[in-house]
Amino acid sequence: MGKIHNLSMPEKLELIDELWESVLKDQDNLELTDAQKAELDRRLDQYEIDKDDGDSWEIVRARISIKK
């Protein structure tokens, strides 16, 4: 992993792009655990109950920005 630190910023970004593309190509091979499937179902059910529940993107973005 030490080699990554020697890469320039453009090289690092290219590596990220290549990794992301490989993930997208293999996404159909990604297996969720039963617990992950159950959690996704729970969240979808909760969303269907109250689609307006939760924070707006602006609030979430502000909260994320504060944590940086």
N, C-alpha and C. Protein backbone atom coordinates (compact mmCIF):
# COMPACT_ATOMS: atom_id res chain seq x y z
N MET A 1 0.81 -1.19 0.00
CA MET A 1 0.00 0.00 0.00
C MET A 1 0.86 1.26 0.00
N GLY A 2 2.11 1.14 0.35
CA GLY A 2 2.99 2.29 0.38
C GLY A 2 3.17 2.96 -0.96
N LYS A 3 2.98 2.20 -2.05
CA LYS A 3 3.15 2.75 -3.39
C LYS A 3 2.12 3.82 -3.69
N ILE A 4 0.96 3.72 -3.09
CA ILE A 4 -0.11 4.71 -3.33
C ILE A 4 0.34 6.10 -2.92
N HIS A 5 1.09 6.20 -1.84
CA HIS A 5 1.53 7.51 -1.36
C HIS A 5 2.49 8.18 -2.34
N ASN A 6 3.11 7.38 -3.21
CA ASN A 6 4.05 7.95 -4.19
C ASN A 6 3.36 8.43 -5.45
N LEU A 7 2.08 8.16 -5.59
CA LEU A 7 1.34 8.59 -6.78
C LEU A 7 1.00 10.06 -6.71
N SER A 8 0.94 10.69 -7.86
CA SER A 8 0.49 12.09 -7.92
C SER A 8 -1.03 12.11 -7.72
N MET A 9 -1.58 13.28 -7.46
CA MET A 9 -3.02 13.40 -7.27
C MET A 9 -3.78 12.93 -8.51
N PRO A 10 -3.39 13.33 -9.72
CA PRO A 10 -4.11 12.82 -10.90
C PRO A 10 -4.03 11.29 -11.01
N GLU A 11 -2.89 10.71 -10.66
CA GLU A 11 -2.76 9.25 -10.70
C GLU A 11 -3.67 8.58 -9.66
N LYS A 12 -3.77 9.18 -8.50
CA LYS A 12 -4.66 8.65 -7.45
C LYS A 12 -6.12 8.71 -7.91
N LEU A 13 -6.49 9.81 -8.54
CA LEU A 13 -7.86 9.95 -9.02
C LEU A 13 -8.15 8.95 -10.12
N GLU A 14 -7.18 8.70 -10.98
CA GLU A 14 -7.35 7.70 -12.03
C GLU A 14 -7.50 6.31 -11.43
N LEU A 15 -6.74 6.01 -10.39
CA LEU A 15 -6.86 4.73 -9.70
C LEU A 15 -8.25 4.57 -9.08
N ILE A 16 -8.74 5.63 -8.47
CA ILE A 16 -10.09 5.60 -7.90
C ILE A 16 -11.10 5.31 -8.99
N ASP A 17 -10.96 5.98 -10.13
CA ASP A 17 -11.88 5.78 -11.24
C ASP A 17 -11.84 4.33 -11.73
N GLU A 18 -10.66 3.77 -11.86
CA GLU A 18 -10.52 2.39 -12.31
C GLU A 18 -11.15 1.41 -11.31
N LEU A 19 -10.91 1.66 -10.03
CA LEU A 19 -11.50 0.81 -8.99
C LEU A 19 -13.03 0.88 -9.03
N TRP A 20 -13.55 2.10 -9.15
CA TRP A 20 -15.01 2.27 -9.17
C TRP A 20 -15.61 1.57 -10.38
N GLU A 21 -14.98 1.71 -11.52
CA GLU A 21 -15.48 1.04 -12.73
C GLU A 21 -15.48 -0.48 -12.55
N SER A 22 -14.46 -1.02 -11.89
CA SER A 22 -14.42 -2.47 -11.68
C SER A 22 -15.51 -2.90 -10.71
N VAL A 23 -15.82 -2.07 -9.73
CA VAL A 23 -16.91 -2.37 -8.80
C VAL A 23 -18.23 -2.38 -9.54
N LEU A 24 -18.45 -1.39 -10.40
CA LEU A 24 -19.69 -1.33 -11.16
C LEU A 24 -19.86 -2.55 -12.06
N LYS A 25 -18.78 -2.99 -12.67
CA LYS A 25 -18.86 -4.16 -13.55
C LYS A 25 -19.19 -5.43 -12.77
N ASP A 26 -18.73 -5.50 -11.52
CA ASP A 26 -18.91 -6.71 -10.70
C ASP A 26 -20.07 -6.61 -9.72
N GLN A 27 -20.86 -5.56 -9.79
CA GLN A 27 -21.88 -5.34 -8.77
C GLN A 27 -22.92 -6.45 -8.71
N ASP A 28 -23.16 -7.12 -9.82
CA ASP A 28 -24.13 -8.21 -9.81
C ASP A 28 -23.62 -9.41 -9.04
N ASN A 29 -22.32 -9.48 -8.81
CA ASN A 29 -21.73 -10.57 -8.05
C ASN A 29 -21.66 -10.28 -6.55
N LEU A 30 -22.09 -9.10 -6.16
CA LEU A 30 -22.06 -8.71 -4.76
C LEU A 30 -23.21 -9.37 -4.02
N GLU A 31 -22.87 -10.15 -3.03
CA GLU A 31 -23.88 -10.85 -2.24
C GLU A 31 -24.09 -10.13 -0.91
N LEU A 32 -25.32 -9.79 -0.62
CA LEU A 32 -25.65 -9.20 0.67
C LEU A 32 -25.92 -10.32 1.67
N THR A 33 -25.58 -10.05 2.92
CA THR A 33 -25.91 -11.01 3.97
C THR A 33 -27.40 -10.91 4.26
N ASP A 34 -27.93 -11.90 4.94
CA ASP A 34 -29.34 -11.86 5.33
C ASP A 34 -29.62 -10.65 6.22
N ALA A 35 -28.67 -10.32 7.08
CA ALA A 35 -28.83 -9.16 7.96
C ALA A 35 -28.88 -7.86 7.14
N GLN A 36 -28.04 -7.75 6.13
CA GLN A 36 -28.05 -6.56 5.28
C GLN A 36 -29.35 -6.46 4.50
N LYS A 37 -29.83 -7.57 3.98
CA LYS A 37 -31.10 -7.57 3.26
C LYS A 37 -32.24 -7.16 4.18
N ALA A 38 -32.23 -7.69 5.40
CA ALA A 38 -33.28 -7.35 6.37
C ALA A 38 -33.24 -5.87 6.71
N GLU A 39 -32.04 -5.32 6.87
CA GLU A 39 -31.92 -3.90 7.20
C GLU A 39 -32.41 -3.03 6.04
N LEU A 40 -32.07 -3.40 4.82
CA LEU A 40 -32.56 -2.65 3.67
C LEU A 40 -34.08 -2.72 3.56
N ASP A 41 -34.64 -3.89 3.81
CA ASP A 41 -36.10 -4.03 3.80
C ASP A 41 -36.74 -3.19 4.89
N ARG A 42 -36.13 -3.18 6.09
CA ARG A 42 -36.65 -2.38 7.20
C ARG A 42 -36.65 -0.90 6.83
N ARG A 43 -35.57 -0.45 6.24
CA ARG A 43 -35.46 0.97 5.87
C ARG A 43 -36.45 1.33 4.77
N LEU A 44 -36.63 0.44 3.81
CA LEU A 44 -37.60 0.70 2.75
C LEU A 44 -39.01 0.74 3.30
N ASP A 45 -39.34 -0.18 4.21
CA ASP A 45 -40.66 -0.18 4.85
C ASP A 45 -40.88 1.12 5.60
N GLN A 46 -39.88 1.58 6.34
CA GLN A 46 -39.99 2.82 7.10
C GLN A 46 -40.19 4.00 6.15
N TYR A 47 -39.48 4.00 5.05
CA TYR A 47 -39.63 5.07 4.07
C TYR A 47 -41.04 5.09 3.49
N GLU A 48 -41.59 3.91 3.21
CA GLU A 48 -42.93 3.84 2.65
C GLU A 48 -43.98 4.35 3.64
N ILE A 49 -43.73 4.20 4.93
CA ILE A 49 -44.65 4.68 5.96
C ILE A 49 -44.70 6.20 5.97
N ASP A 50 -43.53 6.83 5.91
CA ASP A 50 -43.47 8.30 5.96
C ASP A 50 -42.35 8.79 5.06
N LYS A 51 -42.69 9.06 3.84
CA LYS A 51 -41.70 9.48 2.85
C LYS A 51 -41.10 10.84 3.16
N ASP A 52 -41.75 11.62 4.02
CA ASP A 52 -41.25 12.94 4.36
C ASP A 52 -40.38 12.94 5.60
N ASP A 53 -40.24 11.79 6.24
CA ASP A 53 -39.41 11.69 7.45
C ASP A 53 -37.95 11.78 7.06
N GLY A 54 -37.17 12.42 7.89
CA GLY A 54 -35.73 12.54 7.61
C GLY A 54 -35.37 13.98 7.32
N ASP A 55 -34.08 14.18 7.08
CA ASP A 55 -33.57 15.52 6.84
C ASP A 55 -33.39 15.77 5.34
N SER A 56 -33.44 17.02 4.98
CA SER A 56 -33.19 17.40 3.59
C SER A 56 -31.70 17.24 3.28
N TRP A 57 -31.39 17.21 1.98
CA TRP A 57 -30.00 17.10 1.57
C TRP A 57 -29.18 18.27 2.11
N GLU A 58 -29.74 19.46 2.15
CA GLU A 58 -29.02 20.62 2.65
C GLU A 58 -28.61 20.43 4.10
N ILE A 59 -29.50 19.90 4.92
CA ILE A 59 -29.19 19.67 6.33
C ILE A 59 -28.14 18.58 6.48
N VAL A 60 -28.29 17.51 5.73
CA VAL A 60 -27.31 16.41 5.80
C VAL A 60 -25.94 16.90 5.35
N ARG A 61 -25.90 17.65 4.25
CA ARG A 61 -24.63 18.17 3.74
C ARG A 61 -23.98 19.08 4.78
N ALA A 62 -24.75 19.93 5.42
CA ALA A 62 -24.20 20.81 6.44
C ALA A 62 -23.66 20.01 7.62
N ARG A 63 -24.37 18.95 8.00
CA ARG A 63 -23.92 18.11 9.11
C ARG A 63 -22.62 17.41 8.74
N ILE A 64 -22.49 16.94 7.52
CA ILE A 64 -21.27 16.28 7.08
C ILE A 64 -20.12 17.27 7.05
N SER A 65 -20.38 18.47 6.57
CA SER A 65 -19.33 19.50 6.46
C SER A 65 -18.79 19.87 7.82
N ILE A 66 -19.62 19.88 8.82
CA ILE A 66 -19.20 20.24 10.18
C ILE A 66 -18.25 19.19 10.72
N LYS A 67 -18.47 17.92 10.39
CA LYS A 67 -17.66 16.83 10.93
C LYS A 67 -16.27 16.76 10.32
N LYS A 68 -16.05 17.42 9.19
CA LYS A 68 -14.75 17.34 8.53
C LYS A 68 -13.71 18.07 9.28
